[in-house]
Amino acid sequence: MMIKDWAMPSNWNHLASNILKAELKRKAISYEQLKEKLAMIGIDETINSIKNKIGRGTFQFAFFLQCATAIGIKNLHLEGLAEI
């Protein structure tokens, strides 16, 4: 079996970043709005820390879950992401 290029470890961070960016874009939420929405659920982040985390894609899954909760993600479809 051959692993697809995106599934190689060097691309996991990029994939994580793109998934979160896509959800923000789909919901038309800016980083400033995300900061405000995170604050509403008790998560204190600066805009720069949000930009850096999402830009690098090296955030913890807990941060992803916090963002998902803050912006109201109910379902996340990952079909095709784990195909090898």
PDB file of N, CA and C in Angstrom:
ATOM      1  N   MET A   1       0.829  -1.184   0.000  1.00  0.00           N
ATOM      2  CA  MET A   1       0.000   0.000   0.000  1.00  0.00           C
ATOM      3  C   MET A   1       0.870   1.243   0.000  1.00  0.00           C
ATOM      4  N   MET A   2       0.397   2.249  -0.686  1.00  0.00           N
ATOM      5  CA  MET A   2       1.133   3.507  -0.725  1.00  0.00           C
ATOM      6  C   MET A   2       0.333   4.577   0.015  1.00  0.00           C
ATOM      7  N   ILE A   3       0.991   5.294   0.876  1.00  0.00           N
ATOM      8  CA  ILE A   3       0.343   6.371   1.622  1.00  0.00           C
ATOM      9  C   ILE A   3       0.319   7.611   0.747  1.00  0.00           C
ATOM     10  N   LYS A   4      -0.834   8.257   0.679  1.00  0.00           N
ATOM     11  CA  LYS A   4      -0.945   9.479  -0.112  1.00  0.00           C
ATOM     12  C   LYS A   4      -0.046  10.563   0.470  1.00  0.00           C
ATOM     13  N   ASP A   5       0.387  11.508  -0.375  1.00  0.00           N
ATOM     14  CA  ASP A   5       1.319  12.561   0.033  1.00  0.00           C
ATOM     15  C   ASP A   5       0.844  13.346   1.248  1.00  0.00           C
ATOM     16  N   TRP A   6      -0.456  13.698   1.293  1.00  0.00           N
ATOM     17  CA  TRP A   6      -0.936  14.518   2.410  1.00  0.00           C
ATOM     18  C   TRP A   6      -0.853  13.774   3.727  1.00  0.00           C
ATOM     19  N   ALA A   7      -0.791  12.449   3.678  1.00  0.00           N
ATOM     20  CA  ALA A   7      -0.780  11.644   4.895  1.00  0.00           C
ATOM     21  C   ALA A   7       0.620  11.488   5.481  1.00  0.00           C
ATOM     22  N   MET A   8       1.604  12.028   4.809  1.00  0.00           N
ATOM     23  CA  MET A   8       2.957  11.954   5.344  1.00  0.00           C
ATOM     24  C   MET A   8       3.060  12.919   6.527  1.00  0.00           C
ATOM     25  N   PRO A   9       3.809  12.584   7.555  1.00  0.00           N
ATOM     26  CA  PRO A   9       3.875  13.407   8.771  1.00  0.00           C
ATOM     27  C   PRO A   9       4.161  14.886   8.537  1.00  0.00           C
ATOM     28  N   SER A  10       4.937  15.227   7.541  1.00  0.00           N
ATOM     29  CA  SER A  10       5.270  16.634   7.311  1.00  0.00           C
ATOM     30  C   SER A  10       4.054  17.453   6.898  1.00  0.00           C
ATOM     31  N   ASN A  11       2.987  16.815   6.477  1.00  0.00           N
ATOM     32  CA  ASN A  11       1.808  17.536   6.022  1.00  0.00           C
ATOM     33  C   ASN A  11       0.654  17.544   7.015  1.00  0.00           C
ATOM     34  N   TRP A  12       0.769  16.846   8.119  1.00  0.00           N
ATOM     35  CA  TRP A  12      -0.328  16.817   9.102  1.00  0.00           C
ATOM     36  C   TRP A  12      -0.629  18.200   9.654  1.00  0.00           C
ATOM     37  N   ASN A  13       0.406  18.979   9.967  1.00  0.00           N
ATOM     38  CA  ASN A  13       0.195  20.322  10.508  1.00  0.00           C
ATOM     39  C   ASN A  13      -0.521  21.206   9.488  1.00  0.00           C
ATOM     40  N   HIS A  14      -0.107  21.091   8.235  1.00  0.00           N
ATOM     41  CA  HIS A  14      -0.723  21.866   7.158  1.00  0.00           C
ATOM     42  C   HIS A  14      -2.196  21.484   7.017  1.00  0.00           C
ATOM     43  N   LEU A  15      -2.477  20.199   7.097  1.00  0.00           N
ATOM     44  CA  LEU A  15      -3.853  19.717   6.996  1.00  0.00           C
ATOM     45  C   LEU A  15      -4.702  20.249   8.154  1.00  0.00           C
ATOM     46  N   ALA A  16      -4.177  20.180   9.363  1.00  0.00           N
ATOM     47  CA  ALA A  16      -4.902  20.683  10.538  1.00  0.00           C
ATOM     48  C   ALA A  16      -5.213  22.170  10.380  1.00  0.00           C
ATOM     49  N   SER A  17      -4.214  22.923   9.937  1.00  0.00           N
ATOM     50  CA  SER A  17      -4.387  24.350   9.726  1.00  0.00           C
ATOM     51  C   SER A  17      -5.462  24.617   8.679  1.00  0.00           C
ATOM     52  N   ASN A  18      -5.400  23.893   7.572  1.00  0.00           N
ATOM     53  CA  ASN A  18      -6.358  24.113   6.486  1.00  0.00           C
ATOM     54  C   ASN A  18      -7.787  23.765   6.897  1.00  0.00           C
ATOM     55  N   ILE A  19      -7.952  22.722   7.694  1.00  0.00           N
ATOM     56  CA  ILE A  19      -9.300  22.346   8.141  1.00  0.00           C
ATOM     57  C   ILE A  19      -9.904  23.456   8.992  1.00  0.00           C
ATOM     58  N   LEU A  20      -9.126  23.981   9.936  1.00  0.00           N
ATOM     59  CA  LEU A  20      -9.657  25.043  10.793  1.00  0.00           C
ATOM     60  C   LEU A  20      -9.881  26.327  10.007  1.00  0.00           C
ATOM     61  N   LYS A  21      -8.963  26.673   9.126  1.00  0.00           N
ATOM     62  CA  LYS A  21      -9.137  27.867   8.285  1.00  0.00           C
ATOM     63  C   LYS A  21     -10.391  27.745   7.422  1.00  0.00           C
ATOM     64  N   ALA A  22     -10.617  26.562   6.868  1.00  0.00           N
ATOM     65  CA  ALA A  22     -11.785  26.353   6.006  1.00  0.00           C
ATOM     66  C   ALA A  22     -13.084  26.540   6.795  1.00  0.00           C
ATOM     67  N   GLU A  23     -13.104  26.034   8.022  1.00  0.00           N
ATOM     68  CA  GLU A  23     -14.308  26.192   8.847  1.00  0.00           C
ATOM     69  C   GLU A  23     -14.538  27.662   9.188  1.00  0.00           C
ATOM     70  N   LEU A  24     -13.477  28.392   9.483  1.00  0.00           N
ATOM     71  CA  LEU A  24     -13.617  29.820   9.768  1.00  0.00           C
ATOM     72  C   LEU A  24     -14.126  30.565   8.538  1.00  0.00           C
ATOM     73  N   LYS A  25     -13.559  30.231   7.387  1.00  0.00           N
ATOM     74  CA  LYS A  25     -13.969  30.898   6.153  1.00  0.00           C
ATOM     75  C   LYS A  25     -15.417  30.551   5.805  1.00  0.00           C
ATOM     76  N   ARG A  26     -15.776  29.279   5.953  1.00  0.00           N
ATOM     77  CA  ARG A  26     -17.134  28.834   5.639  1.00  0.00           C
ATOM     78  C   ARG A  26     -18.164  29.574   6.487  1.00  0.00           C
ATOM     79  N   LYS A  27     -17.798  29.886   7.723  1.00  0.00           N
ATOM     80  CA  LYS A  27     -18.705  30.583   8.625  1.00  0.00           C
ATOM     81  C   LYS A  27     -18.473  32.100   8.634  1.00  0.00           C
ATOM     82  N   ALA A  28     -17.547  32.574   7.767  1.00  0.00           N
ATOM     83  CA  ALA A  28     -17.223  34.006   7.647  1.00  0.00           C
ATOM     84  C   ALA A  28     -16.829  34.598   9.006  1.00  0.00           C
ATOM     85  N   ILE A  29     -15.933  33.909   9.709  1.00  0.00           N
ATOM     86  CA  ILE A  29     -15.469  34.351  11.022  1.00  0.00           C
ATOM     87  C   ILE A  29     -14.009  34.760  10.929  1.00  0.00           C
ATOM     88  N   SER A  30     -13.729  35.989  11.321  1.00  0.00           N
ATOM     89  CA  SER A  30     -12.351  36.508  11.320  1.00  0.00           C
ATOM     90  C   SER A  30     -11.627  36.046  12.587  1.00  0.00           C
ATOM     91  N   TYR A  31     -10.324  36.244  12.611  1.00  0.00           N
ATOM     92  CA  TYR A  31      -9.555  35.908  13.810  1.00  0.00           C
ATOM     93  C   TYR A  31     -10.004  36.766  14.994  1.00  0.00           C
ATOM     94  N   GLU A  32     -10.332  38.028  14.740  1.00  0.00           N
ATOM     95  CA  GLU A  32     -10.833  38.908  15.801  1.00  0.00           C
ATOM     96  C   GLU A  32     -12.142  38.356  16.370  1.00  0.00           C
ATOM     97  N   GLN A  33     -13.033  37.926  15.490  1.00  0.00           N
ATOM     98  CA  GLN A  33     -14.301  37.350  15.940  1.00  0.00           C
ATOM     99  C   GLN A  33     -14.066  36.033  16.683  1.00  0.00           C
ATOM    100  N   LEU A  34     -13.106  35.238  16.197  1.00  0.00           N
ATOM    101  CA  LEU A  34     -12.784  33.992  16.887  1.00  0.00           C
ATOM    102  C   LEU A  34     -12.278  34.286  18.286  1.00  0.00           C
ATOM    103  N   LYS A  35     -11.425  35.302  18.425  1.00  0.00           N
ATOM    104  CA  LYS A  35     -10.917  35.695  19.742  1.00  0.00           C
ATOM    105  C   LYS A  35     -12.084  36.018  20.674  1.00  0.00           C
ATOM    106  N   GLU A  36     -13.037  36.787  20.179  1.00  0.00           N
ATOM    107  CA  GLU A  36     -14.198  37.168  20.981  1.00  0.00           C
ATOM    108  C   GLU A  36     -15.054  35.952  21.348  1.00  0.00           C
ATOM    109  N   LYS A  37     -15.258  35.063  20.389  1.00  0.00           N
ATOM    110  CA  LYS A  37     -16.061  33.868  20.637  1.00  0.00           C
ATOM    111  C   LYS A  37     -15.372  32.922  21.618  1.00  0.00           C
ATOM    112  N   LEU A  38     -14.050  32.822  21.530  1.00  0.00           N
ATOM    113  CA  LEU A  38     -13.300  32.014  22.494  1.00  0.00           C
ATOM    114  C   LEU A  38     -13.428  32.610  23.889  1.00  0.00           C
ATOM    115  N   ALA A  39     -13.346  33.937  23.993  1.00  0.00           N
ATOM    116  CA  ALA A  39     -13.479  34.610  25.290  1.00  0.00           C
ATOM    117  C   ALA A  39     -14.844  34.318  25.913  1.00  0.00           C
ATOM    118  N   MET A  40     -15.864  34.196  25.076  1.00  0.00           N
ATOM    119  CA  MET A  40     -17.215  33.926  25.574  1.00  0.00           C
ATOM    120  C   MET A  40     -17.329  32.546  26.220  1.00  0.00           C
ATOM    121  N   ILE A  41     -16.417  31.632  25.863  1.00  0.00           N
ATOM    122  CA  ILE A  41     -16.437  30.312  26.498  1.00  0.00           C
ATOM    123  C   ILE A  41     -15.276  30.156  27.489  1.00  0.00           C
ATOM    124  N   GLY A  42     -14.673  31.295  27.861  1.00  0.00           N
ATOM    125  CA  GLY A  42     -13.650  31.288  28.899  1.00  0.00           C
ATOM    126  C   GLY A  42     -12.231  30.998  28.440  1.00  0.00           C
ATOM    127  N   ILE A  43     -11.970  31.111  27.136  1.00  0.00           N
ATOM    128  CA  ILE A  43     -10.637  30.860  26.598  1.00  0.00           C
ATOM    129  C   ILE A  43     -10.019  32.199  26.234  1.00  0.00           C
ATOM    130  N   ASP A  44      -8.920  32.530  26.902  1.00  0.00           N
ATOM    131  CA  ASP A  44      -8.258  33.814  26.686  1.00  0.00           C
ATOM    132  C   ASP A  44      -7.074  33.621  25.746  1.00  0.00           C
ATOM    133  N   GLU A  45      -7.230  34.096  24.532  1.00  0.00           N
ATOM    134  CA  GLU A  45      -6.169  34.032  23.514  1.00  0.00           C
ATOM    135  C   GLU A  45      -6.010  35.420  22.914  1.00  0.00           C
ATOM    136  N   THR A  46      -4.807  35.750  22.501  1.00  0.00           N
ATOM    137  CA  THR A  46      -4.603  36.988  21.754  1.00  0.00           C
ATOM    138  C   THR A  46      -4.798  36.684  20.272  1.00  0.00           C
ATOM    139  N   ILE A  47      -5.035  37.728  19.509  1.00  0.00           N
ATOM    140  CA  ILE A  47      -5.168  37.526  18.064  1.00  0.00           C
ATOM    141  C   ILE A  47      -3.870  36.958  17.500  1.00  0.00           C
ATOM    142  N   ASN A  48      -2.727  37.459  17.979  1.00  0.00           N
ATOM    143  CA  ASN A  48      -1.450  36.944  17.487  1.00  0.00           C
ATOM    144  C   ASN A  48      -1.259  35.472  17.815  1.00  0.00           C
ATOM    145  N   SER A  49      -1.657  35.047  19.007  1.00  0.00           N
ATOM    146  CA  SER A  49      -1.492  33.629  19.347  1.00  0.00           C
ATOM    147  C   SER A  49      -2.410  32.765  18.481  1.00  0.00           C
ATOM    148  N   ILE A  50      -3.600  33.251  18.185  1.00  0.00           N
ATOM    149  CA  ILE A  50      -4.522  32.519  17.318  1.00  0.00           C
ATOM    150  C   ILE A  50      -3.937  32.411  15.916  1.00  0.00           C
ATOM    151  N   LYS A  51      -3.464  33.538  15.380  1.00  0.00           N
ATOM    152  CA  LYS A  51      -2.863  33.533  14.040  1.00  0.00           C
ATOM    153  C   LYS A  51      -1.673  32.585  13.977  1.00  0.00           C
ATOM    154  N   ASN A  52      -0.823  32.642  14.997  1.00  0.00           N
ATOM    155  CA  ASN A  52       0.366  31.785  15.010  1.00  0.00           C
ATOM    156  C   ASN A  52       0.000  30.310  15.096  1.00  0.00           C
ATOM    157  N   LYS A  53      -0.910  29.970  15.985  1.00  0.00           N
ATOM    158  CA  LYS A  53      -1.311  28.564  16.142  1.00  0.00           C
ATOM    159  C   LYS A  53      -1.918  28.024  14.851  1.00  0.00           C
ATOM    160  N   ILE A  54      -2.849  28.776  14.290  1.00  0.00           N
ATOM    161  CA  ILE A  54      -3.515  28.302  13.079  1.00  0.00           C
ATOM    162  C   ILE A  54      -2.546  28.316  11.899  1.00  0.00           C
ATOM    163  N   GLY A  55      -1.717  29.315  11.825  1.00  0.00           N
ATOM    164  CA  GLY A  55      -0.741  29.400  10.732  1.00  0.00           C
ATOM    165  C   GLY A  55       0.239  28.240  10.736  1.00  0.00           C
ATOM    166  N   ARG A  56       0.711  27.862  11.912  1.00  0.00           N
ATOM    167  CA  ARG A  56       1.658  26.744  12.025  1.00  0.00           C
ATOM    168  C   ARG A  56       0.960  25.398  11.933  1.00  0.00           C
ATOM    169  N   GLY A  57      -0.276  25.363  12.406  1.00  0.00           N
ATOM    170  CA  GLY A  57      -1.006  24.098  12.441  1.00  0.00           C
ATOM    171  C   GLY A  57      -0.523  23.181  13.543  1.00  0.00           C
ATOM    172  N   THR A  58       0.208  23.731  14.503  1.00  0.00           N
ATOM    173  CA  THR A  58       0.782  22.902  15.575  1.00  0.00           C
ATOM    174  C   THR A  58      -0.020  22.990  16.867  1.00  0.00           C
ATOM    175  N   PHE A  59      -1.255  23.422  16.759  1.00  0.00           N
ATOM    176  CA  PHE A  59      -2.095  23.555  17.950  1.00  0.00           C
ATOM    177  C   PHE A  59      -2.502  22.187  18.480  1.00  0.00           C
ATOM    178  N   GLN A  60      -2.803  22.157  19.765  1.00  0.00           N
ATOM    179  CA  GLN A  60      -3.302  20.928  20.380  1.00  0.00           C
ATOM    180  C   GLN A  60      -4.739  20.686  19.921  1.00  0.00           C
ATOM    181  N   PHE A  61      -5.150  19.437  19.974  1.00  0.00           N
ATOM    182  CA  PHE A  61      -6.522  19.109  19.602  1.00  0.00           C
ATOM    183  C   PHE A  61      -7.507  19.836  20.517  1.00  0.00           C
ATOM    184  N   ALA A  62      -7.122  20.069  21.757  1.00  0.00           N
ATOM    185  CA  ALA A  62      -7.980  20.808  22.685  1.00  0.00           C
ATOM    186  C   ALA A  62      -8.282  22.205  22.133  1.00  0.00           C
ATOM    187  N   PHE A  63      -7.295  22.862  21.522  1.00  0.00           N
ATOM    188  CA  PHE A  63      -7.516  24.182  20.919  1.00  0.00           C
ATOM    189  C   PHE A  63      -8.501  24.060  19.771  1.00  0.00           C
ATOM    190  N   PHE A  64      -8.364  23.019  18.966  1.00  0.00           N
ATOM    191  CA  PHE A  64      -9.316  22.804  17.876  1.00  0.00           C
ATOM    192  C   PHE A  64     -10.730  22.645  18.428  1.00  0.00           C
ATOM    193  N   LEU A  65     -10.875  21.853  19.481  1.00  0.00           N
ATOM    194  CA  LEU A  65     -12.192  21.652  20.079  1.00  0.00           C
ATOM    195  C   LEU A  65     -12.753  22.946  20.659  1.00  0.00           C
ATOM    196  N   GLN A  66     -11.884  23.761  21.251  1.00  0.00           N
ATOM    197  CA  GLN A  66     -12.320  25.060  21.772  1.00  0.00           C
ATOM    198  C   GLN A  66     -12.832  25.936  20.629  1.00  0.00           C
ATOM    199  N   CYS A  67     -12.076  25.978  19.536  1.00  0.00           N
ATOM    200  CA  CYS A  67     -12.496  26.767  18.374  1.00  0.00           C
ATOM    201  C   CYS A  67     -13.793  26.225  17.800  1.00  0.00           C
ATOM    202  N   ALA A  68     -13.884  24.908  17.679  1.00  0.00           N
ATOM    203  CA  ALA A  68     -15.084  24.285  17.132  1.00  0.00           C
ATOM    204  C   ALA A  68     -16.305  24.644  17.974  1.00  0.00           C
ATOM    205  N   THR A  69     -16.147  24.594  19.277  1.00  0.00           N
ATOM    206  CA  THR A  69     -17.244  24.954  20.172  1.00  0.00           C
ATOM    207  C   THR A  69     -17.591  26.425  20.014  1.00  0.00           C
ATOM    208  N   ALA A  70     -16.575  27.281  19.990  1.00  0.00           N
ATOM    209  CA  ALA A  70     -16.791  28.726  19.918  1.00  0.00           C
ATOM    210  C   ALA A  70     -17.505  29.141  18.636  1.00  0.00           C
ATOM    211  N   ILE A  71     -17.189  28.491  17.526  1.00  0.00           N
ATOM    212  CA  ILE A  71     -17.784  28.909  16.252  1.00  0.00           C
ATOM    213  C   ILE A  71     -18.979  28.047  15.846  1.00  0.00           C
ATOM    214  N   GLY A  72     -19.316  27.081  16.681  1.00  0.00           N
ATOM    215  CA  GLY A  72     -20.531  26.318  16.458  1.00  0.00           C
ATOM    216  C   GLY A  72     -20.420  25.189  15.449  1.00  0.00           C
ATOM    217  N   ILE A  73     -19.260  24.579  15.346  1.00  0.00           N
ATOM    218  CA  ILE A  73     -19.134  23.419  14.460  1.00  0.00           C
ATOM    219  C   ILE A  73     -19.894  22.261  15.097  1.00  0.00           C
ATOM    220  N   LYS A  74     -20.850  21.741  14.387  1.00  0.00           N
ATOM    221  CA  LYS A  74     -21.648  20.615  14.880  1.00  0.00           C
ATOM    222  C   LYS A  74     -21.175  19.304  14.274  1.00  0.00           C
ATOM    223  N   ASN A  75     -20.739  19.359  13.028  1.00  0.00           N
ATOM    224  CA  ASN A  75     -20.269  18.170  12.316  1.00  0.00           C
ATOM    225  C   ASN A  75     -19.001  18.528  11.554  1.00  0.00           C
ATOM    226  N   LEU A  76     -18.091  17.598  11.514  1.00  0.00           N
ATOM    227  CA  LEU A  76     -16.866  17.779  10.749  1.00  0.00           C
ATOM    228  C   LEU A  76     -16.670  16.522   9.926  1.00  0.00           C
ATOM    229  N   HIS A  77     -16.727  16.663   8.626  1.00  0.00           N
ATOM    230  CA  HIS A  77     -16.608  15.510   7.744  1.00  0.00           C
ATOM    231  C   HIS A  77     -15.161  15.350   7.307  1.00  0.00           C
ATOM    232  N   LEU A  78     -14.607  14.203   7.599  1.00  0.00           N
ATOM    233  CA  LEU A  78     -13.219  13.934   7.271  1.00  0.00           C
ATOM    234  C   LEU A  78     -13.080  12.802   6.263  1.00  0.00           C
ATOM    235  N   GLU A  79     -14.155  12.523   5.520  1.00  0.00           N
ATOM    236  CA  GLU A  79     -14.074  11.459   4.531  1.00  0.00           C
ATOM    237  C   GLU A  79     -12.916  11.724   3.586  1.00  0.00           C
ATOM    238  N   GLY A  80     -12.210  10.677   3.259  1.00  0.00           N
ATOM    239  CA  GLY A  80     -11.117  10.791   2.322  1.00  0.00           C
ATOM    240  C   GLY A  80      -9.796  11.193   2.935  1.00  0.00           C
ATOM    241  N   LEU A  81      -9.814  11.715   4.148  1.00  0.00           N
ATOM    242  CA  LEU A  81      -8.567  12.169   4.767  1.00  0.00           C
ATOM    243  C   LEU A  81      -7.699  11.018   5.216  1.00  0.00           C
ATOM    244  N   ALA A  82      -8.300   9.896   5.573  1.00  0.00           N
ATOM    245  CA  ALA A  82      -7.520   8.791   6.121  1.00  0.00           C
ATOM    246  C   ALA A  82      -7.322   7.670   5.115  1.00  0.00           C
ATOM    247  N   GLU A  83      -7.652   7.905   3.861  1.00  0.00           N
ATOM    248  CA  GLU A  83      -7.449   6.859   2.868  1.00  0.00           C
ATOM    249  C   GLU A  83      -5.969   6.640   2.626  1.00  0.00           C
ATOM    250  N   ILE A  84      -5.584   5.381   2.586  1.00  0.00           N
ATOM    251  CA  ILE A  84      -4.192   5.064   2.246  1.00  0.00           C
ATOM    252  C   ILE A  84      -4.153   4.090   1.105  1.00  0.00           C
TER     253      ILE A  84
END
